[in-house]
Amino acid sequence: MPPTENDTDLRALNEQIAELQAQYDEIFKAEKAVVVKDINVLIKQYKIRPYELNFINSANGGRRAKHVLPLIRDNIPRLYRSRQGKVWDGIGRRPEWVQKLLERGGNLEDYRVTL
């Protein structure tokens, strides 16, 4: 069965859609690279740590990611103290009081001791 006029129109439109999508993808990729570069500059400038950002964990039902660990490479001493006086240096396995705090949605930075 020979192609009809409608088939030809649809093919032409599909080709245009594919070309436009390719153009969009190229522009989006270039703009995204600029944005990522700018974000990385700001992160470095303000010494932002991963746990300070509100990343959403889609695998976690869209809730804030609980277990984004801080970077230890910045040589900033860390000490966290619970209201009951229990302490943690921020390195190694999290003590039970820290785990419970994070499970309840608490912010560990509220318990940081500044030296």
N, C-alpha and C. Protein backbone atom coordinates (compact mmCIF):
# COMPACT_ATOMS: atom_id res chain seq x y z
N MET A 1 0.84 -1.17 0.00
CA MET A 1 0.00 0.00 0.00
C MET A 1 0.90 1.25 0.00
N PRO A 2 0.73 2.13 -0.97
CA PRO A 2 1.57 3.34 -1.07
C PRO A 2 1.26 4.31 0.07
N PRO A 3 2.26 5.10 0.47
CA PRO A 3 2.03 6.08 1.53
C PRO A 3 1.04 7.14 1.10
N THR A 4 0.20 7.52 2.04
CA THR A 4 -0.79 8.57 1.76
C THR A 4 -0.18 9.92 2.09
N GLU A 5 -0.91 10.95 1.74
CA GLU A 5 -0.44 12.31 2.02
C GLU A 5 -0.28 12.52 3.53
N ASN A 6 -1.21 11.96 4.32
CA ASN A 6 -1.13 12.09 5.78
C ASN A 6 0.13 11.42 6.33
N ASP A 7 0.47 10.23 5.75
CA ASP A 7 1.68 9.53 6.19
C ASP A 7 2.91 10.39 5.94
N THR A 8 2.96 11.04 4.76
CA THR A 8 4.10 11.88 4.41
C THR A 8 4.18 13.07 5.36
N ASP A 9 3.04 13.69 5.66
CA ASP A 9 3.02 14.82 6.59
C ASP A 9 3.50 14.39 7.98
N LEU A 10 3.07 13.24 8.42
CA LEU A 10 3.49 12.74 9.73
C LEU A 10 4.99 12.46 9.76
N ARG A 11 5.50 11.88 8.71
CA ARG A 11 6.94 11.61 8.65
C ARG A 11 7.72 12.92 8.71
N ALA A 12 7.27 13.92 7.96
CA ALA A 12 7.94 15.21 7.95
C ALA A 12 7.90 15.85 9.34
N LEU A 13 6.75 15.77 9.99
CA LEU A 13 6.63 16.32 11.34
C LEU A 13 7.52 15.57 12.33
N ASN A 14 7.58 14.25 12.21
CA ASN A 14 8.45 13.47 13.09
C ASN A 14 9.92 13.83 12.89
N GLU A 15 10.31 14.08 11.65
CA GLU A 15 11.69 14.50 11.38
C GLU A 15 11.96 15.87 12.02
N GLN A 16 11.00 16.79 11.90
CA GLN A 16 11.16 18.11 12.52
C GLN A 16 11.25 18.00 14.04
N ILE A 17 10.40 17.14 14.60
CA ILE A 17 10.43 16.93 16.05
C ILE A 17 11.79 16.40 16.48
N ALA A 18 12.32 15.44 15.74
CA ALA A 18 13.62 14.86 16.07
C ALA A 18 14.72 15.91 15.98
N GLU A 19 14.68 16.77 14.96
CA GLU A 19 15.68 17.83 14.81
C GLU A 19 15.58 18.84 15.95
N LEU A 20 14.35 19.23 16.29
CA LEU A 20 14.16 20.19 17.38
C LEU A 20 14.60 19.59 18.71
N GLN A 21 14.32 18.32 18.92
CA GLN A 21 14.73 17.66 20.17
C GLN A 21 16.25 17.62 20.26
N ALA A 22 16.91 17.36 19.15
CA ALA A 22 18.37 17.33 19.14
C ALA A 22 18.93 18.72 19.46
N GLN A 23 18.32 19.77 18.89
CA GLN A 23 18.75 21.14 19.18
C GLN A 23 18.53 21.46 20.67
N TYR A 24 17.36 21.08 21.17
CA TYR A 24 17.04 21.32 22.58
C TYR A 24 18.06 20.62 23.48
N ASP A 25 18.34 19.35 23.19
CA ASP A 25 19.27 18.58 24.00
C ASP A 25 20.66 19.23 24.03
N GLU A 26 21.09 19.72 22.88
CA GLU A 26 22.41 20.36 22.78
C GLU A 26 22.45 21.65 23.62
N ILE A 27 21.43 22.47 23.48
CA ILE A 27 21.38 23.74 24.23
C ILE A 27 21.27 23.45 25.73
N PHE A 28 20.41 22.51 26.10
CA PHE A 28 20.22 22.15 27.51
C PHE A 28 21.53 21.66 28.12
N LYS A 29 22.24 20.81 27.41
CA LYS A 29 23.51 20.26 27.89
C LYS A 29 24.53 21.38 28.13
N ALA A 30 24.60 22.33 27.20
CA ALA A 30 25.55 23.45 27.33
C ALA A 30 25.17 24.35 28.51
N GLU A 31 23.88 24.67 28.64
CA GLU A 31 23.44 25.51 29.76
C GLU A 31 23.64 24.81 31.09
N LYS A 32 23.37 23.52 31.13
CA LYS A 32 23.55 22.76 32.37
C LYS A 32 25.01 22.78 32.80
N ALA A 33 25.93 22.65 31.85
CA ALA A 33 27.36 22.67 32.17
C ALA A 33 27.74 23.99 32.82
N VAL A 34 27.20 25.09 32.31
CA VAL A 34 27.49 26.41 32.88
C VAL A 34 26.93 26.50 34.30
N VAL A 35 25.71 26.04 34.50
CA VAL A 35 25.07 26.09 35.82
C VAL A 35 25.85 25.24 36.82
N VAL A 36 26.24 24.04 36.43
CA VAL A 36 27.00 23.16 37.32
C VAL A 36 28.33 23.81 37.70
N LYS A 37 28.98 24.44 36.74
CA LYS A 37 30.25 25.13 37.02
C LYS A 37 30.02 26.26 38.03
N ASP A 38 28.97 27.06 37.82
CA ASP A 38 28.66 28.15 38.75
C ASP A 38 28.36 27.64 40.15
N ILE A 39 27.59 26.56 40.23
CA ILE A 39 27.25 25.98 41.53
C ILE A 39 28.52 25.50 42.23
N ASN A 40 29.40 24.84 41.51
CA ASN A 40 30.64 24.36 42.12
C ASN A 40 31.51 25.50 42.62
N VAL A 41 31.53 26.61 41.90
CA VAL A 41 32.28 27.79 42.36
C VAL A 41 31.69 28.30 43.67
N LEU A 42 30.36 28.38 43.75
CA LEU A 42 29.71 28.86 44.97
C LEU A 42 29.92 27.90 46.14
N ILE A 43 29.86 26.61 45.86
CA ILE A 43 30.08 25.61 46.92
C ILE A 43 31.48 25.77 47.49
N LYS A 44 32.46 25.95 46.63
CA LYS A 44 33.83 26.12 47.09
C LYS A 44 34.00 27.44 47.83
N GLN A 45 33.42 28.51 47.29
CA GLN A 45 33.56 29.84 47.88
C GLN A 45 32.97 29.90 49.28
N TYR A 46 31.80 29.28 49.48
CA TYR A 46 31.11 29.33 50.77
C TYR A 46 31.35 28.09 51.63
N LYS A 47 32.24 27.20 51.16
CA LYS A 47 32.57 25.98 51.90
C LYS A 47 31.31 25.21 52.32
N ILE A 48 30.42 25.02 51.37
CA ILE A 48 29.18 24.31 51.61
C ILE A 48 29.47 22.82 51.61
N ARG A 49 28.95 22.14 52.61
CA ARG A 49 29.15 20.69 52.73
C ARG A 49 27.89 19.98 52.23
N PRO A 50 28.04 18.75 51.75
CA PRO A 50 26.88 18.03 51.19
C PRO A 50 25.70 17.93 52.14
N TYR A 51 25.96 17.72 53.42
CA TYR A 51 24.86 17.56 54.36
C TYR A 51 24.12 18.87 54.63
N GLU A 52 24.66 20.00 54.17
CA GLU A 52 23.98 21.28 54.34
C GLU A 52 22.95 21.54 53.23
N LEU A 53 23.00 20.74 52.21
CA LEU A 53 22.08 20.91 51.09
C LEU A 53 20.87 20.01 51.29
N ASN A 54 19.74 20.45 50.83
CA ASN A 54 18.49 19.71 51.00
C ASN A 54 18.21 18.83 49.79
N PHE A 55 19.04 17.82 49.61
CA PHE A 55 18.82 16.90 48.51
C PHE A 55 17.59 16.06 48.79
N ILE A 56 16.80 15.83 47.76
CA ILE A 56 15.62 15.00 47.87
C ILE A 56 15.97 13.62 47.36
N ASN A 57 15.60 12.62 48.12
CA ASN A 57 15.88 11.23 47.77
C ASN A 57 14.62 10.63 47.19
N SER A 58 14.53 10.52 45.87
CA SER A 58 13.32 9.99 45.24
C SER A 58 13.07 8.54 45.62
N ALA A 59 14.13 7.81 45.95
CA ALA A 59 13.95 6.43 46.39
C ALA A 59 13.41 6.37 47.81
N ASN A 60 13.42 7.51 48.48
CA ASN A 60 12.98 7.60 49.86
C ASN A 60 11.62 8.30 49.94
N GLY A 61 10.82 8.16 48.91
CA GLY A 61 9.49 8.77 48.90
C GLY A 61 9.51 10.28 48.78
N GLY A 62 10.58 10.85 48.25
CA GLY A 62 10.65 12.29 48.06
C GLY A 62 11.04 13.05 49.31
N ARG A 63 11.45 12.36 50.37
CA ARG A 63 11.88 13.03 51.60
C ARG A 63 13.35 13.41 51.48
N ARG A 64 13.76 14.31 52.37
CA ARG A 64 15.14 14.76 52.40
C ARG A 64 16.05 13.57 52.69
N ALA A 65 17.16 13.50 51.98
CA ALA A 65 18.12 12.43 52.21
C ALA A 65 18.69 12.56 53.62
N LYS A 66 18.62 11.49 54.39
CA LYS A 66 19.07 11.52 55.78
C LYS A 66 20.56 11.27 55.92
N HIS A 67 21.11 10.47 55.06
CA HIS A 67 22.45 9.97 55.29
C HIS A 67 23.48 10.52 54.32
N VAL A 68 23.42 11.84 54.08
CA VAL A 68 24.46 12.47 53.28
C VAL A 68 25.56 12.87 54.26
N LEU A 69 26.70 12.22 54.14
CA LEU A 69 27.77 12.42 55.11
C LEU A 69 28.56 13.68 54.82
N PRO A 70 29.06 14.32 55.87
CA PRO A 70 29.89 15.51 55.66
C PRO A 70 31.25 15.12 55.09
N LEU A 71 31.85 16.05 54.38
CA LEU A 71 33.21 15.83 53.91
C LEU A 71 34.16 16.12 55.06
N ILE A 72 35.10 15.25 55.29
CA ILE A 72 36.03 15.42 56.40
C ILE A 72 37.33 16.07 55.92
N ARG A 73 37.50 16.23 54.62
CA ARG A 73 38.75 16.71 54.05
C ARG A 73 39.04 18.18 54.32
N ASP A 74 38.10 18.94 54.87
CA ASP A 74 38.33 20.37 55.03
C ASP A 74 39.05 20.71 56.34
N ASN A 75 39.43 19.69 57.14
CA ASN A 75 40.22 19.87 58.36
C ASN A 75 39.54 20.77 59.39
N ILE A 76 38.24 20.84 59.38
CA ILE A 76 37.51 21.60 60.39
C ILE A 76 37.17 20.63 61.51
N PRO A 77 37.63 20.92 62.76
CA PRO A 77 37.31 20.00 63.85
C PRO A 77 35.80 19.93 64.06
N ARG A 78 35.31 18.73 64.34
CA ARG A 78 33.90 18.54 64.56
C ARG A 78 33.71 17.90 65.93
N LEU A 79 32.75 18.40 66.63
CA LEU A 79 32.36 17.78 67.87
C LEU A 79 30.88 18.07 68.06
N TYR A 80 30.13 17.02 68.28
CA TYR A 80 28.70 17.15 68.48
C TYR A 80 28.36 16.68 69.88
N ARG A 81 27.49 17.42 70.56
CA ARG A 81 27.11 17.07 71.92
C ARG A 81 25.59 17.03 72.02
N SER A 82 25.09 15.91 72.55
CA SER A 82 23.65 15.77 72.73
C SER A 82 23.21 16.58 73.94
N ARG A 83 21.92 16.73 74.12
CA ARG A 83 21.39 17.46 75.28
C ARG A 83 21.69 16.71 76.57
N GLN A 84 21.97 15.41 76.45
CA GLN A 84 22.32 14.62 77.63
C GLN A 84 23.83 14.58 77.88
N GLY A 85 24.60 15.29 77.07
CA GLY A 85 26.04 15.39 77.26
C GLY A 85 26.86 14.35 76.52
N LYS A 86 26.21 13.51 75.72
CA LYS A 86 26.95 12.51 74.93
C LYS A 86 27.62 13.22 73.77
N VAL A 87 28.83 12.78 73.41
CA VAL A 87 29.57 13.46 72.35
C VAL A 87 29.93 12.50 71.23
N TRP A 88 30.18 13.10 70.06
CA TRP A 88 30.64 12.36 68.89
C TRP A 88 31.53 13.29 68.09
N ASP A 89 32.64 12.76 67.56
CA ASP A 89 33.59 13.59 66.81
C ASP A 89 33.26 13.70 65.33
N GLY A 90 32.18 13.06 64.87
CA GLY A 90 31.78 13.15 63.48
C GLY A 90 32.50 12.17 62.58
N ILE A 91 33.34 11.33 63.15
CA ILE A 91 34.10 10.37 62.37
C ILE A 91 33.71 8.97 62.80
N GLY A 92 33.60 8.09 61.81
CA GLY A 92 33.28 6.70 62.12
C GLY A 92 31.79 6.46 62.26
N ARG A 93 31.48 5.34 62.85
CA ARG A 93 30.09 4.92 63.00
C ARG A 93 29.31 5.90 63.88
N ARG A 94 28.12 6.20 63.46
CA ARG A 94 27.29 7.13 64.22
C ARG A 94 26.78 6.48 65.50
N PRO A 95 26.90 7.18 66.61
CA PRO A 95 26.33 6.62 67.84
C PRO A 95 24.81 6.61 67.78
N GLU A 96 24.22 5.85 68.67
CA GLU A 96 22.77 5.66 68.66
C GLU A 96 22.02 6.99 68.79
N TRP A 97 22.52 7.92 69.61
CA TRP A 97 21.80 9.18 69.79
C TRP A 97 21.78 9.99 68.50
N VAL A 98 22.83 9.89 67.70
CA VAL A 98 22.88 10.60 66.41
C VAL A 98 21.91 9.95 65.43
N GLN A 99 21.91 8.62 65.38
CA GLN A 99 21.00 7.91 64.48
C GLN A 99 19.54 8.25 64.80
N LYS A 100 19.19 8.24 66.07
CA LYS A 100 17.81 8.56 66.46
C LYS A 100 17.45 9.99 66.11
N LEU A 101 18.39 10.91 66.33
CA LEU A 101 18.17 12.31 65.98
C LEU A 101 17.87 12.46 64.49
N LEU A 102 18.67 11.82 63.65
CA LEU A 102 18.49 11.92 62.20
C LEU A 102 17.20 11.23 61.75
N GLU A 103 16.87 10.11 62.37
CA GLU A 103 15.62 9.41 62.03
C GLU A 103 14.40 10.27 62.32
N ARG A 104 14.50 11.09 63.37
CA ARG A 104 13.38 11.99 63.71
C ARG A 104 13.37 13.25 62.85
N GLY A 105 14.35 13.35 61.94
CA GLY A 105 14.40 14.52 61.05
C GLY A 105 15.17 15.67 61.64
N GLY A 106 15.92 15.43 62.72
CA GLY A 106 16.71 16.49 63.34
C GLY A 106 17.91 16.88 62.50
N ASN A 107 18.46 18.02 62.83
CA ASN A 107 19.62 18.55 62.12
C ASN A 107 20.84 18.42 63.03
N LEU A 108 21.80 17.63 62.63
CA LEU A 108 23.00 17.39 63.44
C LEU A 108 23.76 18.68 63.71
N GLU A 109 23.70 19.61 62.78
CA GLU A 109 24.43 20.87 62.96
C GLU A 109 23.92 21.67 64.16
N ASP A 110 22.69 21.44 64.58
CA ASP A 110 22.17 22.11 65.78
C ASP A 110 22.90 21.65 67.03
N TYR A 111 23.62 20.54 66.95
CA TYR A 111 24.31 19.96 68.10
C TYR A 111 25.83 20.11 67.99
N ARG A 112 26.28 20.89 67.01
CA ARG A 112 27.73 21.08 66.83
C ARG A 112 28.27 21.99 67.93
N VAL A 113 29.40 21.58 68.48
CA VAL A 113 30.10 22.40 69.47
C VAL A 113 31.14 23.22 68.72
N THR A 114 31.09 24.51 68.87
CA THR A 114 32.09 25.35 68.19
C THR A 114 33.28 25.52 69.11
N LEU A 115 34.44 25.32 68.54
CA LEU A 115 35.69 25.38 69.33
C LEU A 115 36.35 26.72 69.21
